[in-house]
């Protein structure tokens, strides 16, 4: 942990570099001091079909979901969310005429039910 999942609307393809974005997000997580580098697993998912409200026209989104092991207090998670929103903002160039929503969601994964194995 953490598991990092970045979803973005396909109309933002030209506005960022996926590899650099993953690296920037991982660096922000490492710099937080909350996670070991080798425990961070990140991926990007491009959403070809999407709606914001009733339309995809003139709208775009970037949603960052970070799943962490349970046990951290709300203040720690809020600080992490704010840090990651800044990192996310740094990775995307605004698209003229398109309102882009950036969001960060921090989710807890129960330690008691999480299993992991190196093979």
N, C-alpha and C. Protein backbone atom coordinates (compact mmCIF):
# COMPACT_ATOMS: atom_id res chain seq x y z
N UNK A 1 0.86 -1.16 0.00
CA UNK A 1 0.00 0.00 0.00
C UNK A 1 0.90 1.23 0.00
N UNK A 2 0.55 2.26 -0.63
CA UNK A 2 -0.77 2.54 -1.18
C UNK A 2 -0.94 2.03 -2.62
N UNK A 3 -2.20 1.91 -3.00
CA UNK A 3 -2.58 1.66 -4.38
C UNK A 3 -3.06 2.99 -4.95
N UNK A 4 -2.51 3.38 -6.07
CA UNK A 4 -2.82 4.68 -6.67
C UNK A 4 -3.47 4.45 -8.03
N UNK A 5 -4.62 5.05 -8.21
CA UNK A 5 -5.37 4.89 -9.46
C UNK A 5 -5.76 6.28 -9.95
N UNK A 6 -5.23 6.66 -11.10
CA UNK A 6 -5.54 7.95 -11.70
C UNK A 6 -6.41 7.72 -12.92
N UNK A 7 -7.61 8.25 -12.89
CA UNK A 7 -8.51 8.18 -14.04
C UNK A 7 -8.62 9.57 -14.64
N UNK A 8 -8.66 9.64 -15.98
CA UNK A 8 -8.79 10.94 -16.62
C UNK A 8 -9.63 10.81 -17.88
N UNK A 9 -10.31 11.89 -18.23
CA UNK A 9 -11.13 11.91 -19.44
C UNK A 9 -10.23 12.02 -20.66
N UNK A 10 -10.59 11.31 -21.71
CA UNK A 10 -9.75 11.19 -22.90
C UNK A 10 -9.50 12.52 -23.61
N UNK A 11 -10.32 13.52 -23.36
CA UNK A 11 -10.09 14.81 -24.01
C UNK A 11 -8.90 15.55 -23.41
N UNK A 12 -8.26 14.96 -22.41
CA UNK A 12 -7.05 15.56 -21.82
C UNK A 12 -5.76 14.90 -22.30
N UNK A 13 -5.85 14.02 -23.29
CA UNK A 13 -4.68 13.29 -23.78
C UNK A 13 -3.48 14.19 -24.06
N UNK A 14 -3.73 15.33 -24.66
CA UNK A 14 -2.62 16.21 -25.06
C UNK A 14 -2.16 17.14 -23.94
N UNK A 15 -2.76 17.04 -22.78
CA UNK A 15 -2.49 18.00 -21.71
C UNK A 15 -1.51 17.51 -20.65
N UNK A 16 -1.03 16.28 -20.76
CA UNK A 16 -0.10 15.78 -19.75
C UNK A 16 0.67 14.58 -20.30
N UNK A 17 1.74 14.24 -19.60
CA UNK A 17 2.56 13.08 -19.94
C UNK A 17 2.30 12.00 -18.89
N UNK A 18 1.71 10.87 -19.27
CA UNK A 18 1.35 9.85 -18.28
C UNK A 18 2.52 9.34 -17.43
N UNK A 19 3.66 9.07 -18.05
CA UNK A 19 4.81 8.55 -17.30
C UNK A 19 5.33 9.57 -16.31
N UNK A 20 5.44 10.82 -16.73
CA UNK A 20 5.90 11.87 -15.83
C UNK A 20 4.90 12.11 -14.71
N UNK A 21 3.63 11.98 -15.02
CA UNK A 21 2.59 12.17 -14.01
C UNK A 21 2.69 11.09 -12.93
N UNK A 22 2.84 9.84 -13.35
CA UNK A 22 2.99 8.76 -12.36
C UNK A 22 4.21 8.99 -11.49
N UNK A 23 5.31 9.39 -12.10
CA UNK A 23 6.53 9.64 -11.33
C UNK A 23 6.32 10.78 -10.34
N UNK A 24 5.69 11.87 -10.78
CA UNK A 24 5.44 13.02 -9.90
C UNK A 24 4.55 12.63 -8.73
N UNK A 25 3.51 11.86 -8.99
CA UNK A 25 2.61 11.43 -7.92
C UNK A 25 3.33 10.51 -6.94
N UNK A 26 4.12 9.58 -7.46
CA UNK A 26 4.88 8.69 -6.57
C UNK A 26 5.88 9.48 -5.73
N UNK A 27 6.53 10.46 -6.33
CA UNK A 27 7.47 11.29 -5.58
C UNK A 27 6.77 12.05 -4.46
N UNK A 28 5.57 12.55 -4.73
CA UNK A 28 4.82 13.27 -3.70
C UNK A 28 4.45 12.33 -2.55
N UNK A 29 4.10 11.10 -2.88
CA UNK A 29 3.78 10.12 -1.83
C UNK A 29 5.02 9.78 -1.01
N UNK A 30 6.15 9.59 -1.67
CA UNK A 30 7.39 9.29 -0.96
C UNK A 30 7.78 10.47 -0.07
N UNK A 31 7.70 11.69 -0.61
CA UNK A 31 8.07 12.89 0.13
C UNK A 31 7.17 13.15 1.34
N UNK A 32 5.97 12.56 1.33
CA UNK A 32 5.06 12.74 2.47
C UNK A 32 5.63 12.07 3.72
N UNK A 33 6.52 11.12 3.54
CA UNK A 33 7.08 10.39 4.68
C UNK A 33 6.16 9.31 5.23
N UNK A 34 5.03 9.08 4.57
CA UNK A 34 4.05 8.11 5.06
C UNK A 34 4.24 6.71 4.48
N UNK A 35 4.98 6.61 3.36
CA UNK A 35 5.04 5.35 2.63
C UNK A 35 6.47 5.01 2.22
N UNK A 36 6.74 3.73 2.13
CA UNK A 36 7.99 3.25 1.57
C UNK A 36 7.86 3.22 0.05
N UNK A 37 8.92 3.59 -0.63
CA UNK A 37 8.90 3.67 -2.09
C UNK A 37 8.42 2.38 -2.74
N UNK A 38 8.93 1.25 -2.28
CA UNK A 38 8.60 -0.03 -2.93
C UNK A 38 7.17 -0.49 -2.67
N UNK A 39 6.46 0.18 -1.79
CA UNK A 39 5.08 -0.19 -1.49
C UNK A 39 4.06 0.55 -2.35
N UNK A 40 4.50 1.53 -3.11
CA UNK A 40 3.59 2.37 -3.91
C UNK A 40 3.37 1.71 -5.27
N UNK A 41 2.10 1.42 -5.58
CA UNK A 41 1.73 0.85 -6.86
C UNK A 41 0.76 1.80 -7.56
N UNK A 42 1.16 2.28 -8.74
CA UNK A 42 0.39 3.33 -9.42
C UNK A 42 0.03 2.89 -10.83
N UNK A 43 -1.12 3.38 -11.26
CA UNK A 43 -1.55 3.14 -12.63
C UNK A 43 -2.44 4.28 -13.09
N UNK A 44 -2.51 4.45 -14.42
CA UNK A 44 -3.34 5.48 -15.04
C UNK A 44 -4.36 4.79 -15.93
N UNK A 45 -5.60 5.25 -15.83
CA UNK A 45 -6.68 4.70 -16.64
C UNK A 45 -7.32 5.84 -17.44
N UNK A 46 -7.29 5.69 -18.74
CA UNK A 46 -7.89 6.68 -19.66
C UNK A 46 -9.36 6.31 -19.85
N UNK A 47 -10.24 7.27 -19.65
CA UNK A 47 -11.68 7.05 -19.78
C UNK A 47 -12.15 7.63 -21.11
N UNK A 48 -12.36 6.74 -22.06
CA UNK A 48 -12.78 7.15 -23.40
C UNK A 48 -14.21 7.68 -23.39
N UNK A 49 -15.08 6.98 -22.71
CA UNK A 49 -16.49 7.37 -22.65
C UNK A 49 -16.78 7.90 -21.25
N UNK A 50 -17.26 9.13 -21.20
CA UNK A 50 -17.52 9.76 -19.91
C UNK A 50 -18.58 10.85 -20.07
N UNK A 51 -19.20 11.19 -18.98
CA UNK A 51 -20.13 12.32 -18.91
C UNK A 51 -19.83 13.09 -17.64
N UNK A 52 -20.00 14.38 -17.72
CA UNK A 52 -19.99 15.23 -16.53
C UNK A 52 -21.33 15.95 -16.58
N UNK A 53 -22.18 15.59 -15.66
CA UNK A 53 -23.56 16.06 -15.76
C UNK A 53 -24.24 15.33 -16.91
N UNK A 54 -24.69 16.08 -17.90
CA UNK A 54 -25.35 15.49 -19.06
C UNK A 54 -24.50 15.50 -20.32
N UNK A 55 -23.28 15.99 -20.20
CA UNK A 55 -22.48 16.18 -21.40
C UNK A 55 -20.99 15.98 -21.12
N UNK A 56 -20.25 15.66 -22.15
CA UNK A 56 -18.79 15.60 -22.06
C UNK A 56 -18.18 16.83 -22.73
N UNK A 57 -18.99 17.53 -23.49
CA UNK A 57 -18.52 18.71 -24.22
C UNK A 57 -18.14 19.82 -23.24
N UNK A 58 -16.99 20.40 -23.45
CA UNK A 58 -16.48 21.51 -22.63
C UNK A 58 -16.21 21.13 -21.17
N UNK A 59 -16.09 19.84 -20.90
CA UNK A 59 -15.80 19.37 -19.55
C UNK A 59 -14.73 18.29 -19.61
N UNK A 60 -13.98 18.18 -18.53
CA UNK A 60 -12.97 17.13 -18.40
C UNK A 60 -12.78 16.82 -16.92
N UNK A 61 -12.18 15.68 -16.63
CA UNK A 61 -11.92 15.35 -15.23
C UNK A 61 -10.63 14.57 -15.08
N UNK A 62 -10.08 14.70 -13.89
CA UNK A 62 -8.95 13.91 -13.44
C UNK A 62 -9.29 13.51 -12.00
N UNK A 63 -9.34 12.21 -11.75
CA UNK A 63 -9.69 11.73 -10.42
C UNK A 63 -8.58 10.82 -9.91
N UNK A 64 -8.00 11.20 -8.79
CA UNK A 64 -6.92 10.43 -8.17
C UNK A 64 -7.46 9.73 -6.94
N UNK A 65 -7.40 8.42 -6.96
CA UNK A 65 -7.85 7.61 -5.82
C UNK A 65 -6.62 6.94 -5.21
N UNK A 66 -6.46 7.11 -3.91
CA UNK A 66 -5.33 6.52 -3.20
C UNK A 66 -5.89 5.66 -2.08
N UNK A 67 -5.59 4.38 -2.14
CA UNK A 67 -6.05 3.45 -1.11
C UNK A 67 -4.87 3.17 -0.19
N UNK A 68 -5.08 3.44 1.10
CA UNK A 68 -4.03 3.26 2.10
C UNK A 68 -4.53 2.31 3.18
N UNK A 69 -3.60 1.71 3.90
CA UNK A 69 -3.99 0.85 5.01
C UNK A 69 -4.61 1.69 6.12
N UNK A 70 -5.62 1.17 6.75
CA UNK A 70 -6.34 1.88 7.81
C UNK A 70 -5.43 2.19 8.99
N UNK A 71 -5.84 3.19 9.77
CA UNK A 71 -5.12 3.51 10.99
C UNK A 71 -4.63 4.94 11.07
N UNK A 72 -4.64 5.66 9.96
CA UNK A 72 -4.19 7.06 10.00
C UNK A 72 -5.36 7.97 10.34
N UNK A 73 -5.08 9.04 11.07
CA UNK A 73 -6.14 9.96 11.48
C UNK A 73 -6.57 10.85 10.32
N UNK A 74 -7.70 11.51 10.51
CA UNK A 74 -8.28 12.35 9.47
C UNK A 74 -7.35 13.49 9.07
N UNK A 75 -6.67 14.10 10.02
CA UNK A 75 -5.77 15.21 9.71
C UNK A 75 -4.63 14.74 8.79
N UNK A 76 -4.10 13.57 9.04
CA UNK A 76 -3.04 13.03 8.19
C UNK A 76 -3.55 12.78 6.79
N UNK A 77 -4.74 12.21 6.68
CA UNK A 77 -5.32 11.92 5.36
C UNK A 77 -5.67 13.21 4.62
N UNK A 78 -6.16 14.21 5.35
CA UNK A 78 -6.48 15.50 4.72
C UNK A 78 -5.20 16.17 4.21
N UNK A 79 -4.13 16.10 4.98
CA UNK A 79 -2.86 16.66 4.54
C UNK A 79 -2.34 15.95 3.30
N UNK A 80 -2.47 14.64 3.27
CA UNK A 80 -2.05 13.87 2.10
C UNK A 80 -2.89 14.25 0.88
N UNK A 81 -4.19 14.39 1.07
CA UNK A 81 -5.08 14.78 -0.02
C UNK A 81 -4.68 16.13 -0.60
N UNK A 82 -4.41 17.10 0.27
CA UNK A 82 -4.01 18.44 -0.18
C UNK A 82 -2.68 18.38 -0.93
N UNK A 83 -1.73 17.63 -0.41
CA UNK A 83 -0.41 17.47 -1.06
C UNK A 83 -0.58 16.87 -2.46
N UNK A 84 -1.43 15.86 -2.57
CA UNK A 84 -1.59 15.18 -3.84
C UNK A 84 -2.36 16.03 -4.85
N UNK A 85 -3.27 16.87 -4.38
CA UNK A 85 -3.97 17.78 -5.29
C UNK A 85 -2.99 18.77 -5.91
N UNK A 86 -2.06 19.27 -5.12
CA UNK A 86 -1.03 20.18 -5.64
C UNK A 86 -0.18 19.45 -6.69
N UNK A 87 0.24 18.24 -6.39
CA UNK A 87 1.04 17.47 -7.34
C UNK A 87 0.27 17.21 -8.62
N UNK A 88 -1.00 16.90 -8.49
CA UNK A 88 -1.86 16.64 -9.64
C UNK A 88 -1.99 17.89 -10.50
N UNK A 89 -2.23 19.01 -9.86
CA UNK A 89 -2.37 20.29 -10.58
C UNK A 89 -1.11 20.61 -11.38
N UNK A 90 0.04 20.29 -10.82
CA UNK A 90 1.31 20.55 -11.49
C UNK A 90 1.50 19.71 -12.76
N UNK A 91 0.76 18.63 -12.88
CA UNK A 91 0.94 17.69 -14.00
C UNK A 91 0.07 18.00 -15.21
N UNK A 92 -0.95 18.81 -15.05
CA UNK A 92 -1.91 19.05 -16.13
C UNK A 92 -1.91 20.50 -16.57
N UNK A 93 -1.86 20.69 -17.88
CA UNK A 93 -2.00 22.02 -18.47
C UNK A 93 -3.49 22.27 -18.70
N UNK A 94 -3.98 23.46 -18.35
CA UNK A 94 -5.39 23.76 -18.61
C UNK A 94 -5.69 23.66 -20.10
N UNK A 95 -6.85 23.18 -20.43
CA UNK A 95 -7.31 23.05 -21.80
C UNK A 95 -8.27 24.20 -22.07
N UNK A 96 -7.93 25.04 -23.02
CA UNK A 96 -8.73 26.23 -23.31
C UNK A 96 -10.18 25.85 -23.61
N UNK A 97 -11.10 26.55 -22.96
CA UNK A 97 -12.52 26.34 -23.19
C UNK A 97 -13.10 25.10 -22.55
N UNK A 98 -12.30 24.40 -21.76
CA UNK A 98 -12.77 23.17 -21.12
C UNK A 98 -12.61 23.30 -19.61
N UNK A 99 -13.71 23.15 -18.90
CA UNK A 99 -13.66 23.18 -17.44
C UNK A 99 -13.22 21.80 -16.95
N UNK A 100 -12.06 21.77 -16.29
CA UNK A 100 -11.50 20.50 -15.83
C UNK A 100 -11.61 20.40 -14.31
N UNK A 101 -12.16 19.31 -13.86
CA UNK A 101 -12.29 19.05 -12.43
C UNK A 101 -11.18 18.10 -11.99
N UNK A 102 -10.40 18.53 -11.01
CA UNK A 102 -9.37 17.69 -10.40
C UNK A 102 -9.87 17.24 -9.04
N UNK A 103 -9.76 15.97 -8.74
CA UNK A 103 -10.22 15.46 -7.45
C UNK A 103 -9.27 14.43 -6.89
N UNK A 104 -9.18 14.39 -5.56
CA UNK A 104 -8.36 13.41 -4.86
C UNK A 104 -9.24 12.73 -3.81
N UNK A 105 -9.18 11.43 -3.77
CA UNK A 105 -9.96 10.64 -2.82
C UNK A 105 -9.00 9.71 -2.08
N UNK A 106 -8.98 9.80 -0.76
CA UNK A 106 -8.17 8.92 0.07
C UNK A 106 -9.11 7.89 0.71
N UNK A 107 -8.84 6.63 0.47
CA UNK A 107 -9.68 5.56 1.00
C UNK A 107 -8.87 4.66 1.92
N UNK A 108 -9.52 4.18 2.98
CA UNK A 108 -8.90 3.23 3.90
C UNK A 108 -9.17 1.80 3.46
N UNK A 109 -8.16 0.97 3.54
CA UNK A 109 -8.29 -0.46 3.35
C UNK A 109 -8.01 -1.11 4.70
N UNK A 110 -8.94 -1.90 5.19
CA UNK A 110 -8.79 -2.51 6.51
C UNK A 110 -7.54 -3.39 6.55
N UNK A 111 -6.69 -3.12 7.51
CA UNK A 111 -5.47 -3.92 7.67
C UNK A 111 -5.79 -5.40 7.89
N UNK A 112 -6.87 -5.65 8.62
CA UNK A 112 -7.22 -7.02 8.98
C UNK A 112 -7.66 -7.86 7.78
N UNK A 113 -8.10 -7.21 6.71
CA UNK A 113 -8.60 -7.96 5.56
C UNK A 113 -7.69 -7.87 4.34
N UNK A 114 -6.59 -7.16 4.46
CA UNK A 114 -5.66 -7.00 3.33
C UNK A 114 -4.62 -8.11 3.36
N UNK A 115 -4.40 -8.73 2.22
CA UNK A 115 -3.38 -9.77 2.10
C UNK A 115 -2.41 -9.38 0.99
N UNK A 116 -1.14 -9.73 1.20
CA UNK A 116 -0.11 -9.40 0.22
C UNK A 116 0.97 -10.46 0.29
N UNK A 117 1.52 -10.79 -0.87
CA UNK A 117 2.58 -11.80 -0.92
C UNK A 117 3.54 -11.45 -2.05
N UNK A 118 4.82 -11.63 -1.81
CA UNK A 118 5.82 -11.49 -2.86
C UNK A 118 6.10 -12.88 -3.42
N UNK A 119 6.08 -13.02 -4.74
CA UNK A 119 6.35 -14.33 -5.35
C UNK A 119 7.51 -14.25 -6.32
